[in-house]
Amino acid sequence: MQTHAREPRGALRRGFTLVELLVVIAIIAILASMLLPALARAKANARRIVCANHLKQLGLATAMYVDDNDGYYPSSNASNRWPQAVRPYFEDLRILVCPDDTSITGPAIDAASADVAPRSFVINAWTDYFDSFPTNLQFEIMPETIIEHPTDTIVFGEKEEENEGVPVGDFLMDLRTVNEETVLEQTRHLGGANYAFADGSVRHLRFGKSLRPVNFWAVTSAERHKP
């Protein structure tokens, strides 16, 4: 009968050596360095999707406004503001805010007017139309029927947080002034930004792609394809 020698009581079992521990730590560090950027990107994508959903809701609210106002968009006149005009068609003021807008610490959900609530977006001022067809210039109300390319015409874009240290409070994306494009925030989400289009869709465009090679903010052919 074969017998096995038993370890004496109190004998120490072999543990990890210092070198082995260092190897394990190094492997964990490498895995963390690989995973953390992926997690950060996933979180950024999640915030981008929330922003896109807010723009989607704004687009739907504006479409309902247009249906109830004889096919006209909210006035682009400086004395009128689109947030309050569209306010009856959405319930939560938080949809005016992009979660990646670092200038906003918390939405004023009880603001008396949507015009003074924190806001991350600007509406198309349709200025190329008003310059070419001044029929409605007095009140600057844009007829929906003028838009020939709804899938490629922007209604809402993201607003820049600051310009040279000054907070940007613009309500409109105005093409009359070349410098007005600095109102846009074009790199908020992974090198691009979200835009709501006249057909109700929301798309993410890389920097500059909302303006060139086709200007999606314009409705007239001359301005849309301007060099």
Foldseek 3Di string as FASTA:
>chain_A
DDDDDDDDPPDDDDDDDPVRVVVVVVVVVVVCVVVVVVVVLVVLVVLQVLLQVLQLQVLVLQVVLCVVVVQWGAFLDPVDFRQQSSVVSDQFLCSQDRPLLVLDPDWPRPDPGSLPTDGFKAFQLQQVCCVVPVPVVVRSIGGNVLAPCQVLAFGMATFDQDDPNHGDSDRYQHPPDVVSCNRGDAQSRPQGTWTATRVSHIDTDHPPPCCPCAPNSYRDPCRRRPD
